[in-house]
N, C-alpha and C. Protein backbone atom coordinates (compact mmCIF):
# COMPACT_ATOMS: atom_id res chain seq x y z
N UNK A 1 22.12 7.13 32.28
CA UNK A 1 21.92 7.03 33.81
C UNK A 1 21.92 5.75 34.30
N UNK A 2 22.72 5.02 35.21
CA UNK A 2 22.64 3.81 35.54
C UNK A 2 21.98 3.64 36.65
N UNK A 3 21.62 2.44 36.73
CA UNK A 3 20.94 1.91 38.44
C UNK A 3 20.05 3.07 38.95
N UNK A 4 18.92 3.36 38.22
CA UNK A 4 17.99 3.99 38.45
C UNK A 4 16.64 2.82 39.49
N UNK A 5 16.39 3.69 40.24
CA UNK A 5 15.04 2.80 40.59
C UNK A 5 14.99 2.59 42.27
N UNK A 6 15.86 3.35 42.84
CA UNK A 6 16.00 3.43 44.10
C UNK A 6 15.43 4.70 44.95
N UNK A 7 15.57 5.85 44.23
CA UNK A 7 15.23 7.19 44.55
C UNK A 7 14.69 7.88 43.56
N UNK A 8 13.33 8.07 43.83
CA UNK A 8 12.40 9.06 42.75
C UNK A 8 13.15 10.25 42.74
N UNK A 9 13.51 11.02 43.77
CA UNK A 9 13.98 12.48 43.66
C UNK A 9 15.23 12.85 42.84
N UNK A 10 16.11 11.65 42.60
CA UNK A 10 17.16 11.89 41.70
C UNK A 10 16.38 11.61 40.39
N UNK A 11 15.61 10.80 40.17
CA UNK A 11 14.86 10.59 38.87
C UNK A 11 14.16 12.05 38.42
N UNK A 12 13.36 12.40 39.10
CA UNK A 12 12.85 13.75 39.01
C UNK A 12 13.69 14.74 38.27
N UNK A 13 14.77 15.35 39.28
CA UNK A 13 15.58 15.95 38.68
C UNK A 13 16.35 15.45 37.51
N UNK A 14 16.67 14.57 37.14
CA UNK A 14 17.05 14.35 35.88
C UNK A 14 16.26 14.37 34.98
N UNK A 15 14.84 14.48 34.91
CA UNK A 15 13.96 14.38 33.86
C UNK A 15 13.72 15.95 33.77
N UNK A 16 14.29 16.60 34.29
CA UNK A 16 14.37 18.37 34.13
C UNK A 16 15.43 18.64 33.47
N UNK A 17 16.65 17.83 33.14
CA UNK A 17 17.40 18.42 32.12
C UNK A 17 17.22 18.41 30.75
N UNK A 18 17.31 19.31 30.38
CA UNK A 18 16.61 19.40 28.57
C UNK A 18 17.95 18.52 27.73
N UNK A 19 18.59 17.41 28.04
CA UNK A 19 19.54 16.79 27.08
C UNK A 19 19.07 15.39 27.01
N UNK A 20 19.56 14.63 25.90
CA UNK A 20 19.01 13.17 25.48
C UNK A 20 19.79 12.57 26.68
N UNK A 21 19.05 11.82 27.29
CA UNK A 21 19.86 10.37 28.59
C UNK A 21 19.30 9.31 27.94
N UNK A 22 20.47 8.17 27.97
CA UNK A 22 19.74 6.96 28.19
C UNK A 22 19.62 6.56 29.82
N UNK A 23 18.85 5.85 29.99
CA UNK A 23 18.46 5.24 31.58
C UNK A 23 18.33 4.05 31.60
N UNK A 24 19.38 3.65 32.53
CA UNK A 24 19.40 2.07 32.87
C UNK A 24 18.35 1.89 34.22
N UNK A 25 17.06 1.30 33.81
CA UNK A 25 16.48 1.09 35.15
C UNK A 25 16.60 -0.12 35.29
N UNK A 26 16.90 -0.73 36.77
CA UNK A 26 17.03 -1.98 36.97
C UNK A 26 15.49 -2.21 37.35
N UNK A 27 15.43 -3.82 37.15
CA UNK A 27 14.05 -4.18 36.69
C UNK A 27 13.22 -4.47 37.75
N UNK A 28 13.76 -4.89 38.97
CA UNK A 28 12.76 -5.10 40.10
C UNK A 28 13.02 -4.62 41.36
N UNK A 29 13.28 -2.86 40.99
CA UNK A 29 13.36 -2.08 42.17
C UNK A 29 12.10 -1.57 42.24
N UNK A 30 11.46 -0.96 43.35
CA UNK A 30 10.54 -0.48 43.84
C UNK A 30 9.76 0.76 42.72
N UNK A 31 10.73 1.64 42.24
CA UNK A 31 10.12 2.75 41.46
C UNK A 31 10.42 2.54 39.92
N UNK A 32 10.86 1.08 39.37
CA UNK A 32 11.14 0.93 38.05
C UNK A 32 9.97 1.34 37.05
N UNK A 33 8.88 0.60 37.28
CA UNK A 33 7.55 1.05 36.32
C UNK A 33 7.43 2.42 36.26
N UNK A 34 7.11 3.18 37.56
CA UNK A 34 6.87 4.59 37.57
C UNK A 34 7.82 5.31 37.02
N UNK A 35 9.19 5.20 36.83
CA UNK A 35 10.56 5.83 36.29
C UNK A 35 10.37 5.78 35.07
N UNK A 36 9.75 4.41 34.46
CA UNK A 36 9.76 4.28 32.81
C UNK A 36 8.72 5.30 32.70
N UNK A 37 7.41 5.13 33.10
CA UNK A 37 6.62 6.12 32.77
C UNK A 37 6.95 7.39 32.64
N UNK A 38 7.84 7.66 33.51
CA UNK A 38 8.32 9.12 33.68
C UNK A 38 8.93 9.64 32.72
N UNK A 39 10.19 9.02 32.73
CA UNK A 39 11.22 9.36 31.66
C UNK A 39 10.44 9.20 30.04
N UNK A 40 9.51 8.60 29.71
CA UNK A 40 8.77 8.75 28.17
C UNK A 40 9.90 8.19 27.08
N UNK A 41 9.94 6.76 27.81
CA UNK A 41 10.80 6.19 26.93
C UNK A 41 10.26 5.43 25.64
N UNK A 42 10.89 5.90 24.44
CA UNK A 42 10.71 5.70 23.16
C UNK A 42 11.00 4.34 22.79
N UNK A 43 12.09 3.79 23.03
CA UNK A 43 12.58 2.21 22.55
C UNK A 43 13.41 1.86 24.12
N UNK A 44 13.37 0.92 24.20
CA UNK A 44 14.03 -0.21 25.37
C UNK A 44 14.99 -1.24 24.96
N UNK A 45 16.05 -1.42 25.75
CA UNK A 45 16.82 -2.79 25.61
C UNK A 45 16.97 -3.21 27.11
N UNK A 46 16.45 -4.59 27.19
CA UNK A 46 16.41 -5.29 28.35
C UNK A 46 18.06 -5.81 28.35
N UNK A 47 18.85 -5.40 29.35
CA UNK A 47 20.43 -6.07 29.20
C UNK A 47 20.07 -7.54 29.94
N UNK A 48 18.84 -7.82 30.41
CA UNK A 48 18.90 -9.25 30.63
C UNK A 48 19.91 -9.81 31.69
N UNK A 49 20.33 -9.07 32.47
CA UNK A 49 21.67 -9.45 33.57
C UNK A 49 21.11 -10.29 34.45
N UNK A 50 19.95 -10.79 34.66
CA UNK A 50 19.40 -11.52 35.59
C UNK A 50 18.28 -12.29 35.08
N UNK A 51 17.94 -13.42 35.50
CA UNK A 51 16.84 -14.11 34.86
C UNK A 51 15.62 -13.70 35.42
N UNK A 52 15.84 -13.31 36.68
CA UNK A 52 14.70 -12.20 37.24
C UNK A 52 13.88 -10.97 36.67
N UNK A 53 14.91 -10.43 35.59
CA UNK A 53 14.52 -9.37 34.89
C UNK A 53 12.89 -9.40 34.53
N UNK A 54 12.16 -8.22 34.74
CA UNK A 54 10.67 -8.17 34.12
C UNK A 54 10.76 -6.78 33.17
N UNK A 55 11.97 -6.40 32.95
CA UNK A 55 12.00 -5.06 32.36
C UNK A 55 11.44 -5.22 30.90
N UNK A 56 11.50 -6.02 30.11
CA UNK A 56 11.20 -6.49 28.93
C UNK A 56 9.78 -6.49 28.80
N UNK A 57 8.92 -7.46 29.30
CA UNK A 57 8.06 -7.52 29.44
C UNK A 57 7.02 -6.44 30.13
N UNK A 58 7.69 -5.69 30.82
CA UNK A 58 7.11 -4.21 31.39
C UNK A 58 7.38 -3.61 30.18
N UNK A 59 8.05 -2.99 29.50
CA UNK A 59 8.31 -2.66 28.41
C UNK A 59 7.24 -2.73 27.45
N UNK A 60 7.00 -3.95 26.90
CA UNK A 60 6.05 -4.63 25.89
C UNK A 60 4.62 -4.42 26.61
N UNK A 61 4.33 -4.25 27.83
CA UNK A 61 2.77 -4.11 28.26
C UNK A 61 2.71 -2.73 27.91
N UNK A 62 3.81 -1.94 28.31
CA UNK A 62 3.67 0.08 28.25
C UNK A 62 3.56 0.30 26.54
N UNK A 63 3.84 -0.75 25.91
CA UNK A 63 3.85 -0.53 24.59
C UNK A 63 4.88 0.32 23.94
N UNK A 64 6.04 -0.22 24.49
CA UNK A 64 7.48 0.50 24.07
C UNK A 64 8.00 -0.28 23.38
N UNK A 65 8.35 0.14 22.03
CA UNK A 65 9.04 -0.96 21.41
C UNK A 65 10.53 -1.09 21.96
N UNK A 66 10.91 -2.83 22.05
CA UNK A 66 11.59 -2.99 22.95
C UNK A 66 12.54 -4.48 22.08
N UNK A 67 14.02 -4.68 22.78
CA UNK A 67 14.62 -5.91 22.43
C UNK A 67 15.06 -6.33 23.60
N UNK A 68 15.77 -7.59 23.83
CA UNK A 68 16.21 -7.82 24.95
C UNK A 68 17.39 -8.83 24.49
N UNK A 69 18.93 -8.29 25.15
CA UNK A 69 20.18 -8.84 24.34
C UNK A 69 20.15 -10.15 24.05
N UNK A 70 21.17 -10.58 23.48
CA UNK A 70 20.87 -11.88 22.85
C UNK A 70 22.60 -12.67 23.93
N UNK A 71 23.58 -11.44 23.98
CA UNK A 71 24.65 -12.25 24.44
C UNK A 71 25.31 -10.73 25.11
N UNK A 72 25.81 -11.22 26.46
CA UNK A 72 26.49 -10.23 27.26
C UNK A 72 28.10 -10.62 26.94
N UNK A 73 28.56 -9.53 26.15
CA UNK A 73 30.30 -9.86 25.83
C UNK A 73 31.27 -10.09 26.98
N UNK A 74 30.98 -9.54 27.80
CA UNK A 74 32.00 -9.16 28.88
C UNK A 74 31.62 -9.45 30.26
N UNK A 75 30.41 -10.47 30.42
CA UNK A 75 30.14 -10.71 31.68
C UNK A 75 31.37 -11.00 32.92
N UNK A 76 32.34 -12.22 32.28
CA UNK A 76 33.31 -12.07 32.89
C UNK A 76 34.60 -11.70 31.85
N UNK A 77 35.19 -10.64 32.44
CA UNK A 77 36.03 -9.55 31.86
C UNK A 77 37.85 -10.33 31.75
N UNK A 78 37.61 -11.36 31.22
CA UNK A 78 38.91 -11.81 30.78
C UNK A 78 39.15 -12.22 29.21
N UNK A 79 40.19 -12.00 29.01
CA UNK A 79 40.46 -12.05 27.53
C UNK A 79 39.67 -13.47 26.92
N UNK A 80 40.33 -15.21 27.43
CA UNK A 80 39.64 -15.82 26.81
C UNK A 80 38.36 -16.08 26.65
N UNK A 81 37.43 -15.41 27.58
CA UNK A 81 35.85 -15.48 27.92
C UNK A 81 35.31 -14.60 26.79
N UNK A 82 35.85 -13.31 26.93
CA UNK A 82 35.64 -12.81 25.78
C UNK A 82 35.78 -13.01 24.35
N UNK A 83 36.63 -13.79 23.89
CA UNK A 83 36.97 -14.07 22.82
C UNK A 83 36.36 -15.12 22.42
N UNK A 84 35.83 -16.11 23.59
CA UNK A 84 34.85 -17.21 23.11
C UNK A 84 33.46 -16.61 22.98
N UNK A 85 33.37 -15.44 23.93
CA UNK A 85 32.02 -14.95 23.60
C UNK A 85 31.72 -14.21 21.96
N UNK A 86 32.70 -13.44 21.54
CA UNK A 86 32.56 -13.10 20.51
C UNK A 86 32.64 -14.22 19.18
N UNK A 87 32.93 -15.21 19.66
CA UNK A 87 33.05 -16.54 18.44
C UNK A 87 31.56 -16.85 18.20
N UNK A 88 31.08 -16.92 19.35
CA UNK A 88 29.46 -17.60 19.77
C UNK A 88 28.76 -16.17 19.02
N UNK A 89 29.10 -15.19 19.29
CA UNK A 89 28.45 -13.97 18.74
C UNK A 89 28.42 -14.17 17.15
N UNK A 90 29.73 -14.07 16.87
CA UNK A 90 29.34 -14.45 15.15
C UNK A 90 28.72 -15.11 14.52
N UNK A 91 28.86 -16.60 15.15
CA UNK A 91 27.96 -17.90 14.95
C UNK A 91 26.56 -17.56 15.04
N UNK A 92 25.97 -16.71 16.19
CA UNK A 92 24.69 -16.72 16.38
C UNK A 92 24.15 -15.48 14.98
N UNK A 93 25.27 -14.72 14.77
CA UNK A 93 24.60 -13.46 13.82
C UNK A 93 24.65 -14.32 12.12
N UNK A 94 25.33 -15.33 11.95
CA UNK A 94 25.42 -16.12 10.74
C UNK A 94 23.91 -16.86 11.05
N UNK A 95 23.50 -17.53 11.73
CA UNK A 95 22.57 -18.16 11.78
C UNK A 95 21.15 -17.59 12.14
N UNK A 96 21.21 -16.21 12.76
CA UNK A 96 20.08 -15.85 13.19
C UNK A 96 19.94 -14.54 12.41
N UNK A 97 20.77 -14.09 11.59
CA UNK A 97 20.73 -12.79 11.01
C UNK A 97 20.74 -11.61 11.70
N UNK A 98 20.39 -11.57 12.99
CA UNK A 98 20.58 -10.31 13.57
C UNK A 98 20.88 -10.62 15.08
N UNK A 99 21.40 -10.21 16.00
CA UNK A 99 22.27 -10.43 17.36
C UNK A 99 22.25 -8.85 17.89
N UNK A 100 21.97 -9.16 19.09
CA UNK A 100 22.26 -7.82 19.93
C UNK A 100 22.94 -8.06 21.09
N UNK A 101 24.36 -7.63 21.16
CA UNK A 101 25.28 -7.70 22.16
C UNK A 101 25.66 -6.73 23.18
N UNK A 102 25.78 -6.53 24.55
CA UNK A 102 26.30 -5.65 25.22
C UNK A 102 27.60 -5.96 25.47
N UNK A 103 28.15 -4.77 26.28
CA UNK A 103 29.56 -4.69 26.65
C UNK A 103 29.83 -3.66 27.86
N UNK A 104 30.66 -3.90 28.60
CA UNK A 104 31.35 -2.72 29.29
C UNK A 104 32.54 -2.13 28.57
N UNK A 105 32.88 -0.95 28.91
CA UNK A 105 34.02 -0.14 28.09
C UNK A 105 35.26 -0.63 28.70
N UNK A 106 35.38 -1.76 29.01
CA UNK A 106 36.63 -2.37 29.76
C UNK A 106 37.83 -2.41 29.03
N UNK A 107 39.02 -2.22 29.19
CA UNK A 107 40.07 -2.03 28.29
C UNK A 107 40.49 -3.46 27.33
N UNK A 108 40.08 -4.46 28.26
CA UNK A 108 40.26 -5.85 27.48
C UNK A 108 39.35 -5.66 26.59
N UNK A 109 38.10 -5.40 26.72
CA UNK A 109 36.76 -5.59 25.88
C UNK A 109 37.48 -4.98 24.84
N UNK A 110 37.73 -3.47 24.71
CA UNK A 110 37.78 -2.56 23.90
C UNK A 110 39.16 -3.09 22.90
N UNK A 111 39.88 -3.94 23.55
CA UNK A 111 41.54 -4.17 22.84
C UNK A 111 40.79 -5.35 21.78
N UNK A 112 40.07 -6.08 22.20
CA UNK A 112 39.45 -7.46 21.54
C UNK A 112 38.48 -6.85 20.24
N UNK A 113 37.62 -5.92 20.72
CA UNK A 113 36.71 -5.39 19.73
C UNK A 113 37.69 -4.92 18.63
N UNK A 114 38.62 -4.17 19.46
CA UNK A 114 39.64 -3.32 18.16
C UNK A 114 40.32 -4.30 17.05
N UNK A 115 40.49 -5.43 17.68
CA UNK A 115 41.45 -6.05 16.74
C UNK A 115 40.35 -7.04 16.02
N UNK A 116 39.54 -7.28 16.45
CA UNK A 116 38.42 -7.99 15.74
C UNK A 116 37.50 -7.47 14.77
N UNK A 117 37.20 -5.93 14.83
CA UNK A 117 36.43 -5.36 14.00
C UNK A 117 36.76 -5.48 12.50
N UNK A 118 37.78 -5.09 12.08
CA UNK A 118 38.15 -5.00 10.58
C UNK A 118 37.74 -6.39 9.88
N UNK A 119 37.68 -7.36 10.71
CA UNK A 119 37.36 -8.57 9.87
C UNK A 119 36.17 -8.76 10.07
N UNK A 120 35.26 -8.37 10.73
CA UNK A 120 33.89 -8.26 11.23
C UNK A 120 33.31 -7.64 10.65
N UNK A 121 33.69 -6.37 10.14
CA UNK A 121 32.99 -5.60 9.08
C UNK A 121 32.93 -5.87 7.71
N UNK A 122 33.73 -6.87 7.48
CA UNK A 122 33.96 -7.54 6.02
C UNK A 122 32.86 -8.60 6.21
N UNK A 123 32.30 -9.15 7.26
CA UNK A 123 31.34 -10.16 7.17
C UNK A 123 29.98 -9.60 7.17
N UNK A 124 30.06 -8.69 8.31
CA UNK A 124 28.37 -8.47 8.88
C UNK A 124 28.38 -6.91 8.74
N UNK A 125 26.99 -6.53 8.56
CA UNK A 125 26.89 -4.96 9.01
C UNK A 125 26.27 -4.75 10.34
N UNK A 126 27.05 -3.71 11.00
CA UNK A 126 26.69 -3.22 12.34
C UNK A 126 25.76 -2.19 12.17
N UNK A 127 24.46 -2.14 12.99
CA UNK A 127 23.70 -1.29 13.27
C UNK A 127 23.34 -0.70 14.51
N UNK A 128 22.81 0.52 14.56
CA UNK A 128 22.00 1.05 15.58
C UNK A 128 20.62 0.10 16.29
N UNK A 129 20.84 0.15 17.61
CA UNK A 129 19.89 -0.31 17.94
C UNK A 129 18.29 0.06 17.57
N UNK A 130 18.48 1.39 17.34
CA UNK A 130 16.88 1.99 16.62
C UNK A 130 16.95 1.20 15.25
N UNK A 131 17.76 1.11 14.62
CA UNK A 131 17.46 0.22 13.01
C UNK A 131 16.99 -1.23 13.59
N UNK A 132 17.39 -1.86 14.61
CA UNK A 132 17.30 -3.43 14.91
C UNK A 132 16.00 -3.21 15.59
N UNK A 133 15.36 -2.06 16.15
CA UNK A 133 14.14 -2.05 16.41
C UNK A 133 13.13 -2.01 15.46
N UNK A 134 13.48 -0.83 14.16
CA UNK A 134 12.50 -0.83 13.02
C UNK A 134 12.57 -2.20 12.57
N UNK A 135 13.48 -2.82 12.33
CA UNK A 135 13.70 -4.06 11.65
C UNK A 135 12.99 -5.10 12.13
N UNK A 136 12.66 -5.08 13.56
CA UNK A 136 12.14 -6.19 14.32
C UNK A 136 10.61 -5.97 14.41
N UNK A 137 9.93 -4.20 14.36
CA UNK A 137 8.68 -4.36 14.33
C UNK A 137 8.09 -4.09 12.82
N UNK A 138 8.91 -3.73 11.80
CA UNK A 138 8.47 -4.05 10.45
C UNK A 138 8.34 -5.09 10.03
N UNK A 139 8.89 -6.24 10.52
CA UNK A 139 8.86 -7.68 10.26
C UNK A 139 7.47 -8.21 11.26
N UNK A 140 7.45 -7.63 12.43
CA UNK A 140 6.00 -8.41 13.09
C UNK A 140 4.92 -7.49 12.12
N UNK A 141 4.84 -6.59 11.65
CA UNK A 141 3.46 -5.69 11.04
C UNK A 141 3.85 -6.52 9.73
N UNK A 142 4.77 -6.48 9.07
CA UNK A 142 4.46 -7.63 8.07
C UNK A 142 3.76 -9.18 8.04
N UNK A 143 4.20 -9.52 9.03
CA UNK A 143 3.70 -10.70 9.43
C UNK A 143 1.92 -11.06 9.88
N UNK A 144 1.42 -10.03 10.00
CA UNK A 144 0.08 -9.74 10.68
C UNK A 144 -0.78 -10.06 9.48
């Protein structure tokens, strides 16, 4: 569910659905914190689409295991820009070990990913957000 935070009645009706949902809570709207508490978030990814985002900090304060994306693959949805960001992503993955990227399901993005995934899967291991969270928090526990 995307762009929640404007209308609590919509959120309350969604909570009553007995199906797993992913929520996108805009970071600085009037009900963001209340919504985050209501939906019992277990893990959280801040898409960090604005420097004003307080979502990651809020999740940390609430004790929610969380990550912030490293790269937005198609914030500019043109072929050259996406290819350039994919190159940046692979460089970061080589130097940092783990990188979290987000993207839209634009046809252009999907085509570029389909074209590049075979060679990328030979170099990198793709994991779920849950696995990245476990890795981050396990490493933090080991460093204490």
